[in-house]
C-alpha cells in the first residue's frame, strides 16, 4: 500500500494475490485498486515481474538514445570513448539505479531490456543490424545488462552485509548465501538475489565476517594530525630515466634519513599468480616474513608489511622509525584516512603508530621506487616472494571489499569472453 498526501490519492496494489472481490477501506474511504504503481522511481506490478518498469526504462531512454545518435554523427566527430562515457552515465545509469530489484527478471523481459543496450552499442560502433550481440559486447567492453544487474546486486549486497550486518535483511542474505543454489527453490527477491550471487561464484566472499576495526581503535577527530610523517616522491624521476641515476637518488635519500639510533625498515608484499600472498620487512640483519590469507590484494600485502614493521618497532621501543616501501598507493591511502575499505589493516596501522608516538617516537614513511637495486628493498622483496610458499598461514585477515569487487568485475569480463568463444565455436 502506498499512502498519498490525502486519502483520495492513496492506492492499493496487492502483490501476489488474485483480484479482491470486496472493497478495501481506510479511514472510511474506499481505496482504489491498481495493477501497477511507481515508488521511488520503480514501477511495481502485482506479480513483481517488472515488465512495466522495463517498458518505462526503454521509453525514458529513447530520448537519450537519440542524443547518442546525434553525437555519433560524423559532423560532430565524437570519439567512441566519448560516446561510451555518455552511454554509461546517461543511459546505463537508469538500469544501475534499479538493478537490485531486477535480479529475477524472466527471460523474455530480460531480452526486452537488453535491446536498450544493444541499440546503444550499435550506435556507438556504427555496427550493422546483423552483428552478433556477443561481438558487440566484446568490441565495446560492455557486459550484457543481465551480467551488469548481477554485478550491481552483488555490490550492493556486499556493502549491506559489511556495513550494516545487524539489519535483518543482511542476516537473511548471509544465511541464504550459505546454502547451495539448488537449495533456493523459492523465487522471492532474497533467494533470487542469493542465487544470482552464487552464479558469479561470489557467495563465499560475501559470507565472510565484516571487516572490523582493530581492537582498541578510536576514530580520531578530522583535525587530528597523522601519527607519522609521509615523504612522497614529489620530484622523483620517472621510471624511464637512467637506472643508475634512479639508484643514486634513492640511495642518497635513504642515507639522508638515516641517523644514529634510528631503526630503518624496508617493507614489501607479494601476491603470486595462484592467489597466495606474503609480506616481509628487513631491519638490519633481521628478516621477518608472513604468509597471508589467500585472496588478499597486493595493496593489502604491502600494508601488512608496514603494520609488521610498526609492531616490531613498538615491541623494541625504537624512538625513531623509518619505513621505506615501494608501494605509493599505501601512502596515498594512509593520507586520506577513511573507514570504508581495508578497515582492519588501516586502523591497526593507525593504532600502533599512535602508541609509538605517545611514547615519544618519530615515524617516517618514505617511498622508494622498487626494483632499482637498493639492497634493503631487494631483500624484502625476496622474503615476501618466499613467504607466499610457506606451508602455513601466519597472518590471517580478510580480503578487502574493493578487492572482492575487482574480482567480481573480472568474473563478469570472463563470462563475456566465454560467451564470445562459445559463439565462435558454435559457428553462430
Protein backbone atom coordinates (compact mmCIF):
# COMPACT_ATOMS: atom_id res chain seq x y z
CA UNK A 1 0.00 0.00 0.00
CA UNK A 2 1.38 3.42 -0.91
CA UNK A 3 -0.30 6.22 1.12
CA UNK A 4 -0.53 9.57 -0.63
CA UNK A 5 -0.82 13.06 0.85
CA UNK A 6 -4.58 12.63 1.05
CA UNK A 7 -6.77 9.57 1.23
CA UNK A 8 -8.14 10.35 -2.22
CA UNK A 9 -4.61 9.86 -3.62
CA UNK A 10 -3.96 6.60 -1.74
CA UNK A 11 -3.88 3.50 -3.92
CA UNK A 12 -3.77 -0.20 -3.12
CA UNK A 13 -1.55 -2.63 -5.03
CA UNK A 14 -1.91 -6.27 -3.82
CA UNK A 15 1.23 -8.34 -4.55
CA UNK A 16 0.83 -11.98 -5.49
CA UNK A 17 -2.91 -12.02 -4.79
CA UNK A 18 -5.86 -12.63 -7.04
CA UNK A 19 -8.15 -9.64 -7.61
CA UNK A 20 -10.01 -8.67 -4.44
CA UNK A 21 -13.78 -9.18 -4.60
CA UNK A 22 -14.51 -6.88 -1.67
CA UNK A 23 -13.87 -3.17 -1.09
CA UNK A 24 -10.82 -2.17 0.96
CA UNK A 25 -11.45 0.74 3.33
CA UNK A 26 -9.00 3.05 5.07
CA UNK A 27 -10.40 5.66 7.40
CA UNK A 28 -13.84 5.11 5.92
CA UNK A 29 -12.54 5.81 2.41
CA UNK A 30 -12.61 3.08 -0.25
CA UNK A 31 -9.18 2.65 -1.78
CA UNK A 32 -8.65 2.40 -5.50
CA UNK A 33 -7.14 -0.89 -6.59
CA UNK A 34 -4.31 -0.58 -9.14
CA UNK A 35 -2.25 -3.15 -11.03
CA UNK A 36 0.95 -1.05 -11.24
CA UNK A 37 2.42 1.72 -9.11
CA UNK A 38 5.59 3.80 -9.23
CA UNK A 39 7.53 4.06 -5.98
CA UNK A 40 10.96 5.73 -5.70
CA UNK A 41 11.20 5.71 -9.48
CA UNK A 42 10.47 1.99 -9.89
CA UNK A 43 7.25 0.64 -11.41
CA UNK A 44 5.93 -2.32 -9.41
CA UNK A 45 3.29 -4.72 -10.71
CA UNK A 46 1.21 -7.36 -8.95
CA UNK A 47 3.45 -10.27 -9.91
CA UNK A 48 6.72 -8.31 -9.41
CA UNK A 49 7.72 -9.17 -12.97
CA UNK A 50 8.90 -5.56 -13.58
CA UNK A 51 7.61 -5.76 -17.14
CA UNK A 52 6.01 -2.32 -16.74
CA UNK A 53 9.26 -0.92 -15.41
CA UNK A 54 11.31 -2.28 -18.32
CA UNK A 55 8.89 -0.62 -20.75
CA UNK A 56 9.24 2.59 -18.74
CA UNK A 57 13.05 2.37 -18.91
CA UNK A 58 13.04 1.91 -22.67
CA UNK A 59 10.66 4.84 -23.15
CA UNK A 60 12.73 7.05 -20.85
CA UNK A 61 15.97 6.10 -22.58
CA UNK A 62 14.62 6.75 -26.09
CA UNK A 63 15.38 10.50 -26.00
CA UNK A 64 18.86 9.80 -24.63
CA UNK A 65 19.49 7.28 -27.38
CA UNK A 66 18.50 10.00 -29.86
CA UNK A 67 21.10 12.30 -28.29
CA UNK A 68 23.67 9.49 -28.51
CA UNK A 69 22.85 9.00 -32.18
CA UNK A 70 23.24 12.74 -32.81
CA UNK A 71 26.64 12.76 -31.07
CA UNK A 72 27.77 9.86 -33.24
CA UNK A 73 27.26 11.79 -36.49
CA UNK A 74 30.43 12.46 -38.41
CA UNK A 75 29.89 16.21 -38.37
CA UNK A 76 30.35 16.31 -34.59
CA UNK A 77 33.33 13.95 -34.53
CA UNK A 78 32.67 12.39 -31.12
CA UNK A 79 35.10 9.58 -30.40
CA UNK A 80 33.95 6.16 -29.24
CA UNK A 81 35.31 6.89 -25.74
CA UNK A 82 33.06 9.98 -25.55
CA UNK A 83 30.02 8.05 -26.76
CA UNK A 84 30.72 5.21 -24.33
CA UNK A 85 31.04 7.63 -21.42
CA UNK A 86 27.77 9.30 -22.39
CA UNK A 87 26.04 5.93 -22.53
CA UNK A 88 27.37 4.74 -19.16
CA UNK A 89 26.46 7.90 -17.27
CA UNK A 90 23.27 8.89 -19.06
CA UNK A 91 21.61 5.64 -20.16
CA UNK A 92 23.03 2.66 -18.30
CA UNK A 93 22.78 4.57 -15.02
CA UNK A 94 18.99 4.21 -15.33
CA UNK A 95 19.42 0.44 -15.11
CA UNK A 96 22.05 0.65 -12.36
CA UNK A 97 19.66 2.54 -10.11
CA UNK A 98 17.02 -0.22 -10.13
CA UNK A 99 19.34 -3.21 -10.70
CA UNK A 100 18.94 -4.58 -7.18
CA UNK A 101 15.19 -5.01 -7.85
CA UNK A 102 15.60 -6.82 -11.17
CA UNK A 103 17.66 -9.89 -10.30
CA UNK A 104 14.71 -12.19 -11.04
CA UNK A 105 13.65 -10.96 -14.46
CA UNK A 106 12.18 -13.63 -16.70
CA UNK A 107 13.99 -14.43 -19.94
CA UNK A 108 11.55 -12.57 -22.27
CA UNK A 109 11.61 -9.44 -20.12
CA UNK A 110 15.39 -9.65 -19.76
CA UNK A 111 15.77 -9.85 -23.54
CA UNK A 112 13.49 -6.84 -23.89
CA UNK A 113 15.77 -4.90 -21.54
CA UNK A 114 18.89 -5.97 -23.43
CA UNK A 115 17.51 -4.28 -26.55
CA UNK A 116 18.12 -0.93 -24.85
CA UNK A 117 21.88 -1.51 -24.58
CA UNK A 118 22.18 -3.32 -27.89
CA UNK A 119 20.75 -0.32 -29.74
CA UNK A 120 23.15 1.98 -27.93
CA UNK A 121 26.20 -0.16 -28.77
CA UNK A 122 25.21 -0.34 -32.45
CA UNK A 123 25.04 3.46 -32.50
CA UNK A 124 28.43 3.84 -30.76
CA UNK A 125 30.21 1.33 -33.00
CA UNK A 126 28.30 2.07 -36.17
CA UNK A 127 27.62 -1.67 -36.38
CA UNK A 128 25.08 -3.08 -38.86
CA UNK A 129 21.91 -4.78 -37.53
CA UNK A 130 23.20 -8.29 -38.25
CA UNK A 131 26.23 -8.01 -35.93
CA UNK A 132 26.14 -10.70 -33.24
CA UNK A 133 25.45 -9.42 -29.75
CA UNK A 134 28.49 -11.13 -28.21
CA UNK A 135 30.68 -9.29 -30.73
CA UNK A 136 29.05 -6.00 -29.73
CA UNK A 137 29.78 -6.66 -26.07
CA UNK A 138 33.38 -7.65 -26.76
CA UNK A 139 34.12 -4.70 -29.05
CA UNK A 140 32.55 -2.14 -26.70
CA UNK A 141 33.91 -3.61 -23.49
CA UNK A 142 30.41 -3.54 -22.03
CA UNK A 143 28.92 -6.68 -20.43
CA UNK A 144 25.31 -7.61 -21.06
CA UNK A 145 22.75 -5.89 -18.85
CA UNK A 146 21.99 -9.28 -17.28
CA UNK A 147 25.60 -9.51 -16.11
CA UNK A 148 25.57 -5.86 -15.11
CA UNK A 149 22.48 -6.37 -12.95
CA UNK A 150 24.14 -9.37 -11.30
CA UNK A 151 27.27 -7.30 -10.59
CA UNK A 152 25.27 -4.42 -9.11
CA UNK A 153 23.26 -6.82 -6.96
CA UNK A 154 26.45 -8.42 -5.62
CA UNK A 155 27.99 -4.97 -4.99
CA UNK A 156 25.00 -3.69 -3.03
CA UNK A 157 24.72 -6.96 -1.09
CA UNK A 158 28.42 -6.76 -0.15
CA UNK A 159 28.05 -3.18 1.08
CA UNK A 160 24.94 -4.15 3.02
CA UNK A 161 26.37 -7.18 4.84
CA UNK A 162 29.70 -5.41 5.52
CA UNK A 163 28.45 -2.03 6.74
CA UNK A 164 25.09 -2.98 8.30
CA UNK A 165 25.43 -6.61 9.43
CA UNK A 166 22.88 -6.01 12.19
CA UNK A 167 19.96 -5.49 9.79
CA UNK A 168 17.50 -8.39 9.36
CA UNK A 169 17.93 -8.31 5.57
CA UNK A 170 21.71 -8.67 5.99
CA UNK A 171 21.23 -11.68 8.26
CA UNK A 172 18.78 -13.25 5.80
CA UNK A 173 21.08 -12.73 2.81
CA UNK A 174 24.11 -14.18 4.60
CA UNK A 175 22.08 -17.22 5.65
CA UNK A 176 20.84 -17.79 2.10
CA UNK A 177 24.33 -17.33 0.65
CA UNK A 178 25.49 -20.13 2.91
CA UNK A 179 23.15 -22.59 1.15
CA UNK A 180 23.89 -24.15 -2.25
CA UNK A 181 21.94 -22.57 -5.15
CA UNK A 182 19.85 -25.72 -5.67
CA UNK A 183 18.54 -25.28 -2.11
CA UNK A 184 16.96 -21.93 -3.04
CA UNK A 185 13.84 -23.02 -4.95
CA UNK A 186 11.52 -20.21 -3.93
CA UNK A 187 11.56 -17.24 -6.24
CA UNK A 188 11.28 -14.34 -3.83
CA UNK A 189 13.70 -11.42 -4.06
CA UNK A 190 16.16 -12.55 -1.37
CA UNK A 191 16.53 -16.07 -2.76
CA UNK A 192 16.78 -14.83 -6.35
CA UNK A 193 19.50 -12.38 -5.37
CA UNK A 194 21.37 -15.09 -3.46
CA UNK A 195 21.15 -17.43 -6.47
CA UNK A 196 22.47 -14.66 -8.74
CA UNK A 197 25.48 -14.14 -6.47
CA UNK A 198 26.05 -17.91 -6.38
CA UNK A 199 26.19 -17.96 -10.17
CA UNK A 200 29.02 -15.42 -10.03
CA UNK A 201 30.93 -17.62 -7.59
CA UNK A 202 30.99 -14.77 -5.07
CA UNK A 203 28.95 -16.32 -2.25
CA UNK A 204 31.98 -17.33 -0.07
CA UNK A 205 33.45 -13.81 -0.27
CA UNK A 206 30.17 -12.15 0.65
CA UNK A 207 29.60 -14.55 3.54
CA UNK A 208 32.79 -13.52 5.30
CA UNK A 209 32.70 -11.60 8.57
CA UNK A 210 32.63 -7.79 8.41
CA UNK A 211 35.98 -6.01 8.14
CA UNK A 212 36.01 -4.69 11.72
CA UNK A 213 38.39 -2.07 13.19
CA UNK A 214 41.47 -3.10 15.14
CA UNK A 215 40.70 -3.74 18.85
CA UNK A 216 41.18 -0.57 20.86
CA UNK A 217 40.95 1.76 17.87
CA UNK A 218 39.20 5.07 18.44
CA UNK A 219 38.15 7.10 15.43
CA UNK A 220 40.14 10.36 15.68
CA UNK A 221 38.61 13.78 15.04
CA UNK A 222 39.19 15.02 11.48
CA UNK A 223 41.58 17.76 12.67
CA UNK A 224 43.91 15.29 14.41
CA UNK A 225 47.30 15.14 12.65
CA UNK A 226 48.55 11.80 11.38
CA UNK A 227 50.88 9.94 13.77
CA UNK A 228 53.54 9.63 11.07
CA UNK A 229 55.34 11.80 8.54
CA UNK A 230 54.92 10.80 4.91
CA UNK A 231 57.58 11.68 2.38
CA UNK A 232 56.10 11.36 -1.08
CA UNK A 233 58.13 11.44 -4.30
CA UNK A 234 57.30 14.99 -5.34
CA UNK A 235 60.39 15.27 -7.52
CA UNK A 236 61.03 11.60 -8.23
CA UNK A 237 62.42 10.79 -11.65
CA UNK A 238 60.19 8.76 -14.00
CA UNK A 239 60.91 5.08 -14.40
CA UNK A 240 62.13 5.79 -17.93
CA UNK A 241 65.13 7.66 -16.51
CA UNK A 242 68.62 6.19 -16.43
CA UNK A 243 68.61 3.31 -13.87
CA UNK A 244 71.90 4.41 -12.37
CA UNK A 245 70.51 7.89 -11.74
CA UNK A 246 67.39 6.48 -10.05
CA UNK A 247 69.51 4.19 -7.90
CA UNK A 248 71.85 7.00 -6.88
CA UNK A 249 68.95 9.27 -5.97
CA UNK A 250 67.28 6.52 -3.93
CA UNK A 251 70.48 5.72 -2.03
CA UNK A 252 71.03 9.41 -1.26
CA UNK A 253 67.50 9.76 0.18
CA UNK A 254 67.96 6.65 2.31
CA UNK A 255 71.29 7.97 3.63
CA UNK A 256 69.82 11.41 4.35
CA UNK A 257 67.06 9.93 6.52
CA UNK A 258 69.33 7.55 8.42
CA UNK A 259 70.79 8.79 11.69
CA UNK A 260 72.32 7.22 14.81
CA UNK A 261 69.69 5.47 16.92
CA UNK A 262 67.12 5.18 14.13
CA UNK A 263 65.54 1.88 13.07
CA UNK A 264 65.38 1.65 9.28
CA UNK A 265 62.86 -0.81 7.82
CA UNK A 266 62.37 -1.94 4.25
CA UNK A 267 58.95 -3.48 3.59
CA UNK A 268 57.33 -5.33 0.71
CA UNK A 269 54.34 -7.51 -0.11
CA UNK A 270 53.78 -10.03 -2.85
CA UNK A 271 50.88 -11.96 -4.40
CA UNK A 272 51.64 -15.00 -6.57
CA UNK A 273 49.60 -15.96 -9.66
CA UNK A 274 47.82 -18.72 -7.71
CA UNK A 275 46.50 -16.17 -5.18
CA UNK A 276 48.83 -16.93 -2.27
CA UNK A 277 50.28 -13.82 -0.63
CA UNK A 278 53.17 -12.90 1.63
CA UNK A 279 54.63 -9.86 3.41
CA UNK A 280 58.06 -9.14 4.83
CA UNK A 281 60.25 -6.45 6.34
CA UNK A 282 64.01 -6.09 6.73
CA UNK A 283 65.72 -4.15 9.53
CA UNK A 284 69.48 -4.53 9.83
CA UNK A 285 70.30 -8.22 9.58
CA UNK A 286 66.79 -9.28 10.66
CA UNK A 287 64.26 -10.53 8.11
CA UNK A 288 60.64 -11.18 9.18
CA UNK A 289 58.02 -12.61 6.83
CA UNK A 290 54.47 -13.99 6.96
CA UNK A 291 52.20 -15.88 4.67
CA UNK A 292 48.85 -14.09 4.38
CA UNK A 293 45.35 -15.40 3.80
CA UNK A 294 44.64 -16.35 0.17
CA UNK A 295 42.65 -13.89 -1.90
CA UNK A 296 44.10 -10.68 -0.46
CA UNK A 297 45.28 -7.93 -2.79
CA UNK A 298 48.84 -6.76 -3.39
CA UNK A 299 47.99 -3.47 -1.67
CA UNK A 300 46.86 -5.34 1.44
CA UNK A 301 50.10 -7.33 1.41
CA UNK A 302 52.10 -4.08 1.27
CA UNK A 303 50.13 -2.59 4.17
CA UNK A 304 50.52 -5.79 6.19
CA UNK A 305 54.29 -5.39 5.84
CA UNK A 306 54.09 -1.80 7.11
CA UNK A 307 51.99 -3.00 10.06
CA UNK A 308 54.54 -5.71 10.84
CA UNK A 309 57.36 -3.16 10.86
CA UNK A 310 55.42 -0.85 13.19
CA UNK A 311 54.64 -3.72 15.57
CA UNK A 312 58.31 -4.68 15.65
CA UNK A 313 59.32 -1.08 16.36
CA UNK A 314 56.72 -0.84 19.14
CA UNK A 315 57.93 -4.09 20.74
CA UNK A 316 61.57 -2.94 20.74
CA UNK A 317 60.80 0.64 21.89
CA UNK A 318 62.52 2.37 18.97
CA UNK A 319 62.49 6.16 19.20
CA UNK A 320 62.99 6.96 15.52
CA UNK A 321 61.37 4.68 12.96
CA UNK A 322 61.97 4.99 9.21
CA UNK A 323 59.95 2.73 6.90
CA UNK A 324 60.85 2.51 3.22
CA UNK A 325 58.34 0.97 0.85
CA UNK A 326 57.83 0.88 -2.90
CA UNK A 327 54.02 0.98 -2.72
CA UNK A 328 52.95 4.57 -3.31
CA UNK A 329 49.23 3.74 -3.07
CA UNK A 330 49.69 2.69 0.56
CA UNK A 331 50.86 6.19 1.42
CA UNK A 332 48.05 7.79 -0.51
CA UNK A 333 45.52 5.63 1.31
CA UNK A 334 47.02 6.47 4.69
CA UNK A 335 46.87 10.19 3.90
CA UNK A 336 43.15 10.04 3.08
CA UNK A 337 42.23 8.06 6.16
CA UNK A 338 38.69 6.67 5.94
CA UNK A 339 36.94 3.56 7.23
CA UNK A 340 35.29 2.26 4.08
CA UNK A 341 37.86 -0.26 2.92
CA UNK A 342 40.78 -2.20 4.48
CA UNK A 343 39.35 -1.24 7.85
CA UNK A 344 41.32 -3.71 9.97
CA UNK A 345 44.71 -3.00 8.40
CA UNK A 346 44.33 0.78 8.32
CA UNK A 347 43.07 1.03 11.88
CA UNK A 348 45.80 -1.35 13.08
CA UNK A 349 48.49 0.80 11.42
CA UNK A 350 46.98 3.95 12.88
CA UNK A 351 46.64 2.45 16.38
CA UNK A 352 50.18 1.04 16.59
CA UNK A 353 51.64 4.25 15.15
CA UNK A 354 49.72 6.31 17.72
CA UNK A 355 51.06 4.14 20.55
CA UNK A 356 54.60 4.71 19.27
CA UNK A 357 54.10 8.47 19.06
CA UNK A 358 52.67 8.53 22.59
CA UNK A 359 55.97 7.01 23.75
CA UNK A 360 57.81 9.88 22.10
CA UNK A 361 58.78 8.11 18.88
CA UNK A 362 59.02 9.71 15.46
CA UNK A 363 57.74 7.72 12.46
CA UNK A 364 58.71 8.50 8.86
CA UNK A 365 57.15 6.67 5.92
CA UNK A 366 59.23 7.06 2.79
CA UNK A 367 58.54 5.91 -0.76
CA UNK A 368 61.30 4.39 -2.86
CA UNK A 369 60.94 3.10 -6.42
CA UNK A 370 61.10 -0.68 -6.46
CA UNK A 371 63.49 -2.98 -8.29
CA UNK A 372 66.25 -0.41 -8.79
CA UNK A 373 68.94 -2.28 -6.86
CA UNK A 374 68.60 -0.93 -3.30
CA UNK A 375 69.71 -3.81 -1.09
CA UNK A 376 67.06 -3.45 1.61
CA UNK A 377 64.23 -3.29 -0.91
CA UNK A 378 65.52 -6.31 -2.80
CA UNK A 379 65.89 -8.39 0.39
CA UNK A 380 62.36 -7.52 1.48
CA UNK A 381 61.03 -8.36 -1.99
CA UNK A 382 62.76 -11.76 -1.98
CA UNK A 383 61.45 -12.52 1.52
CA UNK A 384 57.88 -11.58 0.57
CA UNK A 385 58.03 -13.81 -2.52
CA UNK A 386 59.36 -16.69 -0.43
CA UNK A 387 56.63 -16.18 2.18
CA UNK A 388 53.98 -16.96 -0.45
CA UNK A 389 55.10 -20.60 -0.40
CA UNK A 390 55.20 -21.02 3.37
CA UNK A 391 53.26 -24.16 4.41
CA UNK A 392 51.01 -22.34 6.92
CA UNK A 393 49.18 -19.03 7.01
CA UNK A 394 50.78 -16.97 9.79
CA UNK A 395 48.91 -13.66 9.30
CA UNK A 396 45.22 -14.30 8.56
CA UNK A 397 42.89 -11.46 7.63
CA UNK A 398 40.00 -10.90 5.25
CA UNK A 399 40.15 -9.67 1.65
CA UNK A 400 39.08 -6.06 1.29
CA UNK A 401 35.69 -5.16 -0.23
CA UNK A 402 37.45 -3.31 -3.06
CA UNK A 403 39.41 -6.46 -3.93
CA UNK A 404 36.20 -8.54 -3.89
CA UNK A 405 34.51 -6.04 -6.21
CA UNK A 406 37.52 -6.16 -8.52
CA UNK A 407 37.30 -9.95 -8.59
CA UNK A 408 33.57 -9.71 -9.41
CA UNK A 409 34.27 -7.39 -12.34
CA UNK A 410 36.93 -9.78 -13.57
CA UNK A 411 34.39 -12.61 -13.36
CA UNK A 412 31.89 -10.62 -15.44
CA UNK A 413 34.59 -9.98 -18.05
CA UNK A 414 35.49 -13.67 -18.12
CA UNK A 415 31.85 -14.66 -18.61
CA UNK A 416 31.56 -12.24 -21.54
CA UNK A 417 34.66 -13.71 -23.17
CA UNK A 418 33.38 -17.24 -22.64
CA UNK A 419 30.10 -16.32 -24.33
CA UNK A 420 32.06 -14.96 -27.27
CA UNK A 421 34.17 -18.11 -27.53
CA UNK A 422 31.04 -20.24 -27.32
CA UNK A 423 29.52 -18.23 -30.15
CA UNK A 424 32.64 -18.75 -32.30
CA UNK A 425 32.90 -22.47 -31.57
CA UNK A 426 29.19 -22.91 -32.26
CA UNK A 427 29.56 -21.35 -35.67
CA UNK A 428 26.94 -18.73 -34.93
